[in-house]
PDB file of N, CA and C in Angstrom:
ATOM      1  N   MET A   1       0.822  -1.189   0.000  1.00  0.00           N
ATOM      2  CA  MET A   1       0.000   0.000   0.000  1.00  0.00           C
ATOM      3  C   MET A   1       0.875   1.266   0.000  1.00  0.00           C
ATOM      4  N   ALA A   2       1.980   1.251   0.713  1.00  0.00           N
ATOM      5  CA  ALA A   2       2.871   2.408   0.758  1.00  0.00           C
ATOM      6  C   ALA A   2       3.526   2.634  -0.587  1.00  0.00           C
ATOM      7  N   HIS A   3       3.819   1.535  -1.280  1.00  0.00           N
ATOM      8  CA  HIS A   3       4.429   1.654  -2.600  1.00  0.00           C
ATOM      9  C   HIS A   3       3.457   2.313  -3.577  1.00  0.00           C
ATOM     10  N   GLU A   4       2.175   1.983  -3.462  1.00  0.00           N
ATOM     11  CA  GLU A   4       1.180   2.559  -4.355  1.00  0.00           C
ATOM     12  C   GLU A   4       0.995   4.058  -4.112  1.00  0.00           C
ATOM     13  N   SER A   5       1.004   4.497  -2.860  1.00  0.00           N
ATOM     14  CA  SER A   5       0.859   5.930  -2.586  1.00  0.00           C
ATOM     15  C   SER A   5       2.106   6.693  -3.007  1.00  0.00           C
ATOM     16  N   ASP A   6       3.270   6.076  -2.872  1.00  0.00           N
ATOM     17  CA  ASP A   6       4.513   6.713  -3.327  1.00  0.00           C
ATOM     18  C   ASP A   6       4.507   6.850  -4.850  1.00  0.00           C
ATOM     19  N   TYR A   7       3.975   5.831  -5.506  1.00  0.00           N
ATOM     20  CA  TYR A   7       3.879   5.864  -6.960  1.00  0.00           C
ATOM     21  C   TYR A   7       2.920   6.963  -7.410  1.00  0.00           C
ATOM     22  N   LYS A   8       1.790   7.107  -6.717  1.00  0.00           N
ATOM     23  CA  LYS A   8       0.814   8.123  -7.092  1.00  0.00           C
ATOM     24  C   LYS A   8       1.318   9.532  -6.799  1.00  0.00           C
ATOM     25  N   ASP A   9       2.203   9.686  -5.827  1.00  0.00           N
ATOM     26  CA  ASP A   9       2.778  11.003  -5.558  1.00  0.00           C
ATOM     27  C   ASP A   9       3.669  11.469  -6.699  1.00  0.00           C
ATOM     28  N   LYS A  10       4.314  10.528  -7.366  1.00  0.00           N
ATOM     29  CA  LYS A  10       5.230  10.877  -8.449  1.00  0.00           C
ATOM     30  C   LYS A  10       4.571  10.819  -9.821  1.00  0.00           C
ATOM     31  N   GLU A  11       3.382  10.280  -9.905  1.00  0.00           N
ATOM     32  CA  GLU A  11       2.684  10.146 -11.177  1.00  0.00           C
ATOM     33  C   GLU A  11       2.178  11.511 -11.650  1.00  0.00           C
ATOM     34  N   PHE A  12       2.286  11.743 -12.937  1.00  0.00           N
ATOM     35  CA  PHE A  12       1.904  13.037 -13.514  1.00  0.00           C
ATOM     36  C   PHE A  12       0.412  13.305 -13.365  1.00  0.00           C
ATOM     37  N   GLY A  13      -0.406  12.316 -13.599  1.00  0.00           N
ATOM     38  CA  GLY A  13      -1.853  12.514 -13.574  1.00  0.00           C
ATOM     39  C   GLY A  13      -2.443  12.612 -12.182  1.00  0.00           C
ATOM     40  N   TYR A  14      -1.758  12.094 -11.171  1.00  0.00           N
ATOM     41  CA  TYR A  14      -2.320  12.068  -9.821  1.00  0.00           C
ATOM     42  C   TYR A  14      -1.873  13.257  -8.969  1.00  0.00           C
ATOM     43  N   ASN A  15      -0.679  13.747  -9.187  1.00  0.00           N
ATOM     44  CA  ASN A  15      -0.150  14.827  -8.367  1.00  0.00           C
ATOM     45  C   ASN A  15      -0.309  16.138  -9.130  1.00  0.00           C
ATOM     46  N   TRP A  16      -1.301  16.937  -8.777  1.00  0.00           N
ATOM     47  CA  TRP A  16      -1.588  18.159  -9.529  1.00  0.00           C
ATOM     48  C   TRP A  16      -0.561  19.251  -9.277  1.00  0.00           C
ATOM     49  N   VAL A  17       0.177  19.184  -8.176  1.00  0.00           N
ATOM     50  CA  VAL A  17       1.181  20.209  -7.894  1.00  0.00           C
ATOM     51  C   VAL A  17       2.343  20.090  -8.870  1.00  0.00           C
ATOM     52  N   THR A  18       2.892  18.908  -9.003  1.00  0.00           N
ATOM     53  CA  THR A  18       4.019  18.742  -9.923  1.00  0.00           C
ATOM     54  C   THR A  18       3.572  18.847 -11.368  1.00  0.00           C
ATOM     55  N   SER A  19       2.372  18.369 -11.682  1.00  0.00           N
ATOM     56  CA  SER A  19       1.920  18.457 -13.067  1.00  0.00           C
ATOM     57  C   SER A  19       1.653  19.909 -13.459  1.00  0.00           C
ATOM     58  N   SER A  20       1.067  20.701 -12.562  1.00  0.00           N
ATOM     59  CA  SER A  20       0.812  22.098 -12.914  1.00  0.00           C
ATOM     60  C   SER A  20       2.119  22.880 -13.012  1.00  0.00           C
ATOM     61  N   ARG A  21       3.090  22.557 -12.177  1.00  0.00           N
ATOM     62  CA  ARG A  21       4.396  23.198 -12.263  1.00  0.00           C
ATOM     63  C   ARG A  21       5.076  22.850 -13.586  1.00  0.00           C
ATOM     64  N   PHE A  22       4.997  21.577 -13.959  1.00  0.00           N
ATOM     65  CA  PHE A  22       5.578  21.134 -15.221  1.00  0.00           C
ATOM     66  C   PHE A  22       4.908  21.826 -16.398  1.00  0.00           C
ATOM     67  N   LEU A  23       3.587  21.882 -16.394  1.00  0.00           N
ATOM     68  CA  LEU A  23       2.872  22.534 -17.488  1.00  0.00           C
ATOM     69  C   LEU A  23       3.154  24.032 -17.538  1.00  0.00           C
ATOM     70  N   PHE A  24       3.339  24.667 -16.387  1.00  0.00           N
ATOM     71  CA  PHE A  24       3.678  26.085 -16.355  1.00  0.00           C
ATOM     72  C   PHE A  24       5.042  26.325 -16.992  1.00  0.00           C
ATOM     73  N   TYR A  25       6.030  25.481 -16.654  1.00  0.00           N
ATOM     74  CA  TYR A  25       7.364  25.655 -17.236  1.00  0.00           C
ATOM     75  C   TYR A  25       7.365  25.363 -18.733  1.00  0.00           C
ATOM     76  N   ILE A  26       6.579  24.399 -19.173  1.00  0.00           N
ATOM     77  CA  ILE A  26       6.466  24.125 -20.601  1.00  0.00           C
ATOM     78  C   ILE A  26       5.830  25.313 -21.319  1.00  0.00           C
ATOM     79  N   GLN A  27       4.816  25.908 -20.699  1.00  0.00           N
ATOM     80  CA  GLN A  27       4.148  27.064 -21.291  1.00  0.00           C
ATOM     81  C   GLN A  27       5.100  28.260 -21.382  1.00  0.00           C
ATOM     82  N   VAL A  28       5.871  28.500 -20.336  1.00  0.00           N
ATOM     83  CA  VAL A  28       6.835  29.600 -20.363  1.00  0.00           C
ATOM     84  C   VAL A  28       7.889  29.357 -21.434  1.00  0.00           C
ATOM     85  N   LEU A  29       8.368  28.121 -21.545  1.00  0.00           N
ATOM     86  CA  LEU A  29       9.363  27.788 -22.559  1.00  0.00           C
ATOM     87  C   LEU A  29       8.808  27.995 -23.965  1.00  0.00           C
ATOM     88  N   CYS A  30       7.559  27.594 -24.189  1.00  0.00           N
ATOM     89  CA  CYS A  30       6.940  27.805 -25.506  1.00  0.00           C
ATOM     90  C   CYS A  30       6.767  29.287 -25.822  1.00  0.00           C
ATOM     91  N   LEU A  31       6.374  30.075 -24.839  1.00  0.00           N
ATOM     92  CA  LEU A  31       6.213  31.512 -25.070  1.00  0.00           C
ATOM     93  C   LEU A  31       7.540  32.191 -25.366  1.00  0.00           C
ATOM     94  N   VAL A  32       8.595  31.791 -24.660  1.00  0.00           N
ATOM     95  CA  VAL A  32       9.922  32.365 -24.926  1.00  0.00           C
ATOM     96  C   VAL A  32      10.391  31.974 -26.317  1.00  0.00           C
ATOM     97  N   ALA A  33      10.162  30.718 -26.715  1.00  0.00           N
ATOM     98  CA  ALA A  33      10.558  30.280 -28.058  1.00  0.00           C
ATOM     99  C   ALA A  33       9.766  31.021 -29.127  1.00  0.00           C
ATOM    100  N   LEU A  34       8.472  31.225 -28.899  1.00  0.00           N
ATOM    101  CA  LEU A  34       7.644  31.958 -29.852  1.00  0.00           C
ATOM    102  C   LEU A  34       8.098  33.412 -29.967  1.00  0.00           C
ATOM    103  N   PHE A  35       8.353  34.054 -28.845  1.00  0.00           N
ATOM    104  CA  PHE A  35       8.799  35.442 -28.852  1.00  0.00           C
ATOM    105  C   PHE A  35      10.156  35.588 -29.552  1.00  0.00           C
ATOM    106  N   THR A  36      11.063  34.661 -29.284  1.00  0.00           N
ATOM    107  CA  THR A  36      12.377  34.696 -29.925  1.00  0.00           C
ATOM    108  C   THR A  36      12.250  34.500 -31.433  1.00  0.00           C
ATOM    109  N   GLY A  37      11.406  33.579 -31.849  1.00  0.00           N
ATOM    110  CA  GLY A  37      11.197  33.351 -33.275  1.00  0.00           C
ATOM    111  C   GLY A  37      10.577  34.539 -33.972  1.00  0.00           C
ATOM    112  N   MET A  38       9.627  35.194 -33.315  1.00  0.00           N
ATOM    113  CA  MET A  38       9.004  36.375 -33.916  1.00  0.00           C
ATOM    114  C   MET A  38      10.001  37.522 -34.030  1.00  0.00           C
ATOM    115  N   CYS A  39      10.822  37.715 -33.012  1.00  0.00           N
ATOM    116  CA  CYS A  39      11.827  38.783 -33.077  1.00  0.00           C
ATOM    117  C   CYS A  39      12.839  38.507 -34.181  1.00  0.00           C
ATOM    118  N   TYR A  40      13.254  37.254 -34.338  1.00  0.00           N
ATOM    119  CA  TYR A  40      14.208  36.904 -35.391  1.00  0.00           C
ATOM    120  C   TYR A  40      13.590  37.119 -36.770  1.00  0.00           C
ATOM    121  N   ASN A  41      12.309  36.762 -36.922  1.00  0.00           N
ATOM    122  CA  ASN A  41      11.645  36.955 -38.205  1.00  0.00           C
ATOM    123  C   ASN A  41      11.508  38.437 -38.533  1.00  0.00           C
ATOM    124  N   LEU A  42      11.172  39.257 -37.542  1.00  0.00           N
ATOM    125  CA  LEU A  42      11.108  40.696 -37.778  1.00  0.00           C
ATOM    126  C   LEU A  42      12.476  41.262 -38.132  1.00  0.00           C
ATOM    127  N   TYR A  43      13.534  40.741 -37.517  1.00  0.00           N
ATOM    128  CA  TYR A  43      14.882  41.205 -37.824  1.00  0.00           C
ATOM    129  C   TYR A  43      15.280  40.820 -39.246  1.00  0.00           C
ATOM    130  N   GLU A  44      14.924  39.631 -39.684  1.00  0.00           N
ATOM    131  CA  GLU A  44      15.289  39.186 -41.025  1.00  0.00           C
ATOM    132  C   GLU A  44      14.534  39.950 -42.106  1.00  0.00           C
ATOM    133  N   HIS A  45      13.304  40.379 -41.834  1.00  0.00           N
ATOM    134  CA  HIS A  45      12.498  41.069 -42.827  1.00  0.00           C
ATOM    135  C   HIS A  45      12.398  42.570 -42.517  1.00  0.00           C
ATOM    136  N   ARG A  46      13.425  43.117 -41.944  1.00  0.00           N
ATOM    137  CA  ARG A  46      13.398  44.531 -41.573  1.00  0.00           C
ATOM    138  C   ARG A  46      13.525  45.419 -42.816  1.00  0.00           C
ATOM    139  N   TYR A  47      13.196  46.680 -42.647  1.00  0.00           N
ATOM    140  CA  TYR A  47      13.319  47.659 -43.724  1.00  0.00           C
ATOM    141  C   TYR A  47      14.783  47.989 -43.923  1.00  0.00           C
ATOM    142  N   LYS A  48      15.275  47.755 -45.105  1.00  0.00           N
ATOM    143  CA  LYS A  48      16.703  47.898 -45.361  1.00  0.00           C
ATOM    144  C   LYS A  48      17.071  49.226 -46.006  1.00  0.00           C
ATOM    145  N   GLY A  49      16.150  50.151 -46.076  1.00  0.00           N
ATOM    146  CA  GLY A  49      16.469  51.476 -46.610  1.00  0.00           C
ATOM    147  C   GLY A  49      15.749  51.751 -47.920  1.00  0.00           C
ATOM    148  N   LYS A  50      15.868  52.979 -48.363  1.00  0.00           N
ATOM    149  CA  LYS A  50      15.196  53.412 -49.574  1.00  0.00           C
ATOM    150  C   LYS A  50      15.937  52.859 -50.793  1.00  0.00           C
ATOM    151  N   PRO A  51      15.263  52.082 -51.628  1.00  0.00           N
ATOM    152  CA  PRO A  51      15.944  51.548 -52.815  1.00  0.00           C
ATOM    153  C   PRO A  51      16.108  52.617 -53.886  1.00  0.00           C
ATOM    154  N   GLU A  52      17.096  52.459 -54.708  1.00  0.00           N
ATOM    155  CA  GLU A  52      17.355  53.373 -55.811  1.00  0.00           C
ATOM    156  C   GLU A  52      16.504  52.923 -56.993  1.00  0.00           C
ATOM    157  N   VAL A  53      15.452  53.677 -57.278  1.00  0.00           N
ATOM    158  CA  VAL A  53      14.512  53.321 -58.339  1.00  0.00           C
ATOM    159  C   VAL A  53      14.712  54.270 -59.503  1.00  0.00           C
ATOM    160  N   GLU A  54      14.847  53.709 -60.691  1.00  0.00           N
ATOM    161  CA  GLU A  54      14.997  54.543 -61.881  1.00  0.00           C
ATOM    162  C   GLU A  54      13.612  54.876 -62.424  1.00  0.00           C
ATOM    163  N   ILE A  55      13.316  56.164 -62.514  1.00  0.00           N
ATOM    164  CA  ILE A  55      12.007  56.631 -62.959  1.00  0.00           C
ATOM    165  C   ILE A  55      12.126  57.101 -64.403  1.00  0.00           C
ATOM    166  N   PRO A  56      11.248  56.638 -65.285  1.00  0.00           N
ATOM    167  CA  PRO A  56      11.289  57.114 -66.667  1.00  0.00           C
ATOM    168  C   PRO A  56      11.016  58.622 -66.734  1.00  0.00           C
ATOM    169  N   THR A  57      11.721  59.292 -67.600  1.00  0.00           N
ATOM    170  CA  THR A  57      11.606  60.758 -67.671  1.00  0.00           C
ATOM    171  C   THR A  57      10.253  61.203 -68.203  1.00  0.00           C
ATOM    172  N   ASN A  58       9.532  60.357 -68.933  1.00  0.00           N
ATOM    173  CA  ASN A  58       8.232  60.782 -69.458  1.00  0.00           C
ATOM    174  C   ASN A  58       7.123  60.659 -68.418  1.00  0.00           C
ATOM    175  N   THR A  59       7.406  60.141 -67.213  1.00  0.00           N
ATOM    176  CA  THR A  59       6.380  60.043 -66.174  1.00  0.00           C
ATOM    177  C   THR A  59       6.613  61.024 -65.035  1.00  0.00           C
ATOM    178  N   LEU A  60       7.549  61.946 -65.178  1.00  0.00           N
ATOM    179  CA  LEU A  60       7.827  62.931 -64.135  1.00  0.00           C
ATOM    180  C   LEU A  60       6.719  63.990 -64.107  1.00  0.00           C
ATOM    181  N   TYR A  61       6.779  64.858 -63.082  1.00  0.00           N
ATOM    182  CA  TYR A  61       5.801  65.945 -62.954  1.00  0.00           C
ATOM    183  C   TYR A  61       5.886  66.881 -64.157  1.00  0.00           C
ATOM    184  N   THR A  62       7.104  67.163 -64.562  1.00  0.00           N
ATOM    185  CA  THR A  62       7.331  67.910 -65.813  1.00  0.00           C
ATOM    186  C   THR A  62       8.003  66.933 -66.777  1.00  0.00           C
ATOM    187  N   PRO A  63       7.213  66.254 -67.593  1.00  0.00           N
ATOM    188  CA  PRO A  63       7.776  65.194 -68.454  1.00  0.00           C
ATOM    189  C   PRO A  63       8.735  65.749 -69.488  1.00  0.00           C
ATOM    190  N   GLN A  64       9.710  64.941 -69.808  1.00  0.00           N
ATOM    191  CA  GLN A  64      10.697  65.296 -70.820  1.00  0.00           C
ATOM    192  C   GLN A  64      10.609  64.230 -71.913  1.00  0.00           C
ATOM    193  N   TYR A  65      10.202  64.635 -73.061  1.00  0.00           N
ATOM    194  CA  TYR A  65      10.056  63.719 -74.178  1.00  0.00           C
ATOM    195  C   TYR A  65      11.249  63.808 -75.066  1.00  0.00           C
ATOM    196  N   LYS A  66      11.496  62.752 -75.784  1.00  0.00           N
ATOM    197  CA  LYS A  66      12.634  62.711 -76.715  1.00  0.00           C
ATOM    198  C   LYS A  66      12.262  63.309 -78.041  1.00  0.00           C
TER     199      LYS A  66
END
């Protein structure tokens, strides 16, 4: 009988204190991983500056035709 109660104290489904602690740490780890991944994705797709775009002269405010 003592062996069975010792087993239930260590079992995930029977001991709500250790199971809730475990689930809390898993949740925190998942949130940190998600936040890190989102920050890395934002860093990779950041605005890299104004590109040099060639504009045709006939589409300017004062167009210049050939």
